[in-house]
Amino acid sequence: MYRQGEILIIPVPFTDLTSLKKRPVLVLSKSSYNSMVDDVIVAAITSNVDNKPYIVPLTNKDLTSGTLAVDSCIRTDKIYTLSQSIIIKSFGKVKTDIIDAVKDKILRLIETEK
């Protein structure tokens, strides 16, 4: 079972569907949810660190375990529900303050406009 804050590797098809590339994602869903269903809710992680409004920067100092190959960012505007069966592996975990920052950005993204 996967836990909130884990960094996973998943297969992502190329747009022409000829092959797959491996990409990291951050588990957002709670452990209790992940243990009850076959899915997991994740946010995309990218090494393209453009200054976009809904990113959370991520470096090795933000991890409690594992190592990033390069500084990256979590795209809180790229959220997916995936079958746990496609996960290739878990390779790290973020600190609690990163999860809190991600939650804050998601709330700002979906809050009611005035």
C-alpha atoms as a PDB file:
ATOM      1  CA  MET A   1       0.000   0.000   0.000  1.00  0.00           C
ATOM      2  CA  TYR A   2       1.229   3.477  -0.845  1.00  0.00           C
ATOM      3  CA  ARG A   3       1.257   6.345   1.637  1.00  0.00           C
ATOM      4  CA  GLN A   4       0.583  10.046   1.298  1.00  0.00           C
ATOM      5  CA  GLY A   5       3.835  11.852   0.518  1.00  0.00           C
ATOM      6  CA  GLU A   6       5.512   8.952  -1.285  1.00  0.00           C
ATOM      7  CA  ILE A   7       7.143   9.578  -4.644  1.00  0.00           C
ATOM      8  CA  LEU A   8       6.298   6.889  -7.167  1.00  0.00           C
ATOM      9  CA  ILE A   9       7.420   6.034 -10.674  1.00  0.00           C
ATOM     10  CA  ILE A  10       4.638   5.373 -13.182  1.00  0.00           C
ATOM     11  CA  PRO A  11       4.629   4.556 -16.919  1.00  0.00           C
ATOM     12  CA  VAL A  12       3.353   7.334 -19.185  1.00  0.00           C
ATOM     13  CA  PRO A  13       2.731   6.645 -22.890  1.00  0.00           C
ATOM     14  CA  PHE A  14       4.234   8.849 -25.571  1.00  0.00           C
ATOM     15  CA  THR A  15       1.573  10.756 -27.489  1.00  0.00           C
ATOM     16  CA  ASP A  16       1.926   8.398 -30.459  1.00  0.00           C
ATOM     17  CA  LEU A  17       1.498   5.413 -28.082  1.00  0.00           C
ATOM     18  CA  THR A  18       4.574   3.651 -29.504  1.00  0.00           C
ATOM     19  CA  SER A  19       6.345   3.356 -26.147  1.00  0.00           C
ATOM     20  CA  LEU A  20       6.373   4.435 -22.522  1.00  0.00           C
ATOM     21  CA  LYS A  21       8.489   6.768 -20.445  1.00  0.00           C
ATOM     22  CA  LYS A  22       8.817   6.599 -16.674  1.00  0.00           C
ATOM     23  CA  ARG A  23       7.704   9.647 -14.709  1.00  0.00           C
ATOM     24  CA  PRO A  24       7.560  10.558 -10.999  1.00  0.00           C
ATOM     25  CA  VAL A  25       4.353  11.453  -9.152  1.00  0.00           C
ATOM     26  CA  LEU A  26       3.529  12.396  -5.568  1.00  0.00           C
ATOM     27  CA  VAL A  27       0.874  10.467  -3.655  1.00  0.00           C
ATOM     28  CA  LEU A  28      -1.834  12.870  -2.419  1.00  0.00           C
ATOM     29  CA  SER A  29      -4.477  10.454  -1.175  1.00  0.00           C
ATOM     30  CA  LYS A  30      -4.487   9.311   2.441  1.00  0.00           C
ATOM     31  CA  SER A  31      -3.177   5.884   3.357  1.00  0.00           C
ATOM     32  CA  SER A  32      -6.624   4.834   4.580  1.00  0.00           C
ATOM     33  CA  TYR A  33      -8.069   5.591   1.118  1.00  0.00           C
ATOM     34  CA  ASN A  34      -5.204   3.827  -0.648  1.00  0.00           C
ATOM     35  CA  SER A  35      -5.746   0.678   1.420  1.00  0.00           C
ATOM     36  CA  MET A  36      -9.502   0.565   0.666  1.00  0.00           C
ATOM     37  CA  VAL A  37      -9.431   1.003  -3.124  1.00  0.00           C
ATOM     38  CA  ASP A  38      -7.319  -0.094  -6.070  1.00  0.00           C
ATOM     39  CA  ASP A  39      -6.521   3.507  -7.040  1.00  0.00           C
ATOM     40  CA  VAL A  40      -4.233   6.232  -5.784  1.00  0.00           C
ATOM     41  CA  ILE A  41      -4.548  10.008  -6.289  1.00  0.00           C
ATOM     42  CA  VAL A  42      -1.307  11.669  -7.383  1.00  0.00           C
ATOM     43  CA  ALA A  43       0.189  14.934  -8.608  1.00  0.00           C
ATOM     44  CA  ALA A  44       2.721  15.137 -11.411  1.00  0.00           C
ATOM     45  CA  ILE A  45       6.366  15.923 -10.647  1.00  0.00           C
ATOM     46  CA  THR A  46       8.467  17.547 -13.351  1.00  0.00           C
ATOM     47  CA  SER A  47      12.036  18.767 -13.738  1.00  0.00           C
ATOM     48  CA  ASN A  48      10.723  21.649 -15.855  1.00  0.00           C
ATOM     49  CA  VAL A  49      10.822  24.228 -13.070  1.00  0.00           C
ATOM     50  CA  ASP A  50       9.117  27.135 -14.825  1.00  0.00           C
ATOM     51  CA  ASN A  51       7.696  29.710 -12.461  1.00  0.00           C
ATOM     52  CA  LYS A  52       4.032  28.731 -12.740  1.00  0.00           C
ATOM     53  CA  PRO A  53       1.468  29.778 -10.128  1.00  0.00           C
ATOM     54  CA  TYR A  54       0.522  26.284  -8.969  1.00  0.00           C
ATOM     55  CA  ILE A  55       3.880  24.587  -8.502  1.00  0.00           C
ATOM     56  CA  VAL A  56       5.639  23.545  -5.310  1.00  0.00           C
ATOM     57  CA  PRO A  57       9.438  23.437  -5.679  1.00  0.00           C
ATOM     58  CA  LEU A  58      11.060  20.128  -4.699  1.00  0.00           C
ATOM     59  CA  THR A  59      14.721  19.456  -3.924  1.00  0.00           C
ATOM     60  CA  ASN A  60      16.556  16.679  -2.115  1.00  0.00           C
ATOM     61  CA  LYS A  61      16.427  18.671   1.133  1.00  0.00           C
ATOM     62  CA  ASP A  62      12.609  18.320   0.984  1.00  0.00           C
ATOM     63  CA  LEU A  63      12.803  14.510   1.158  1.00  0.00           C
ATOM     64  CA  THR A  64      12.835  12.264   4.208  1.00  0.00           C
ATOM     65  CA  SER A  65      14.024   9.388   2.005  1.00  0.00           C
ATOM     66  CA  GLY A  66      15.157   8.873  -1.569  1.00  0.00           C
ATOM     67  CA  THR A  67      17.056  11.111  -3.957  1.00  0.00           C
ATOM     68  CA  LEU A  68      15.941  13.260  -6.879  1.00  0.00           C
ATOM     69  CA  ALA A  69      18.185  13.236  -9.953  1.00  0.00           C
ATOM     70  CA  VAL A  70      17.550  16.994 -10.424  1.00  0.00           C
ATOM     71  CA  ASP A  71      15.636  19.771  -8.682  1.00  0.00           C
ATOM     72  CA  SER A  72      11.988  19.447  -9.620  1.00  0.00           C
ATOM     73  CA  CYS A  73       8.528  20.779  -8.870  1.00  0.00           C
ATOM     74  CA  ILE A  74       5.145  19.329  -8.020  1.00  0.00           C
ATOM     75  CA  ARG A  75       2.392  20.407 -10.430  1.00  0.00           C
ATOM     76  CA  THR A  76      -0.651  20.863  -8.211  1.00  0.00           C
ATOM     77  CA  ASP A  77      -2.711  21.579 -11.333  1.00  0.00           C
ATOM     78  CA  LYS A  78      -1.879  18.117 -12.748  1.00  0.00           C
ATOM     79  CA  ILE A  79      -3.754  15.654 -10.524  1.00  0.00           C
ATOM     80  CA  TYR A  80      -4.574  12.107 -11.595  1.00  0.00           C
ATOM     81  CA  THR A  81      -6.287   9.008 -10.279  1.00  0.00           C
ATOM     82  CA  LEU A  82      -4.278   5.927 -11.200  1.00  0.00           C
ATOM     83  CA  SER A  83      -4.629   2.211 -10.681  1.00  0.00           C
ATOM     84  CA  GLN A  84      -2.101   1.043  -8.106  1.00  0.00           C
ATOM     85  CA  SER A  85      -1.370  -1.898 -10.414  1.00  0.00           C
ATOM     86  CA  ILE A  86       0.547   0.318 -12.900  1.00  0.00           C
ATOM     87  CA  ILE A  87       2.989   1.701 -10.323  1.00  0.00           C
ATOM     88  CA  ILE A  88       6.540   0.661 -11.116  1.00  0.00           C
ATOM     89  CA  LYS A  89       8.105   1.520  -7.758  1.00  0.00           C
ATOM     90  CA  SER A  90       8.290   3.901  -4.816  1.00  0.00           C
ATOM     91  CA  PHE A  91      11.591   5.713  -4.456  1.00  0.00           C
ATOM     92  CA  GLY A  92      11.180   8.434  -1.866  1.00  0.00           C
ATOM     93  CA  LYS A  93       9.031  10.414   0.521  1.00  0.00           C
ATOM     94  CA  VAL A  94       8.574  14.154   1.025  1.00  0.00           C
ATOM     95  CA  LYS A  95       8.544  16.032   4.312  1.00  0.00           C
ATOM     96  CA  THR A  96       5.209  16.978   5.869  1.00  0.00           C
ATOM     97  CA  ASP A  97       5.677  20.679   5.058  1.00  0.00           C
ATOM     98  CA  ILE A  98       5.766  19.816   1.344  1.00  0.00           C
ATOM     99  CA  ILE A  99       2.439  17.972   1.635  1.00  0.00           C
ATOM    100  CA  ASP A 100       1.035  21.019   3.466  1.00  0.00           C
ATOM    101  CA  ALA A 101       2.291  23.353   0.702  1.00  0.00           C
ATOM    102  CA  VAL A 102       0.721  21.116  -1.961  1.00  0.00           C
ATOM    103  CA  LYS A 103      -2.623  21.090  -0.119  1.00  0.00           C
ATOM    104  CA  ASP A 104      -2.503  24.890   0.186  1.00  0.00           C
ATOM    105  CA  LYS A 105      -1.854  25.334  -3.553  1.00  0.00           C
ATOM    106  CA  ILE A 106      -4.679  22.912  -4.434  1.00  0.00           C
ATOM    107  CA  LEU A 107      -7.094  24.784  -2.177  1.00  0.00           C
ATOM    108  CA  ARG A 108      -6.114  28.084  -3.818  1.00  0.00           C
ATOM    109  CA  LEU A 109      -6.653  26.501  -7.217  1.00  0.00           C
ATOM    110  CA  ILE A 110     -10.208  25.345  -6.453  1.00  0.00           C
ATOM    111  CA  GLU A 111     -11.446  28.019  -4.035  1.00  0.00           C
ATOM    112  CA  THR A 112     -14.599  29.900  -4.961  1.00  0.00           C
ATOM    113  CA  GLU A 113     -13.930  33.123  -6.816  1.00  0.00           C
ATOM    114  CA  LYS A 114     -15.462  36.252  -5.359  1.00  0.00           C
END
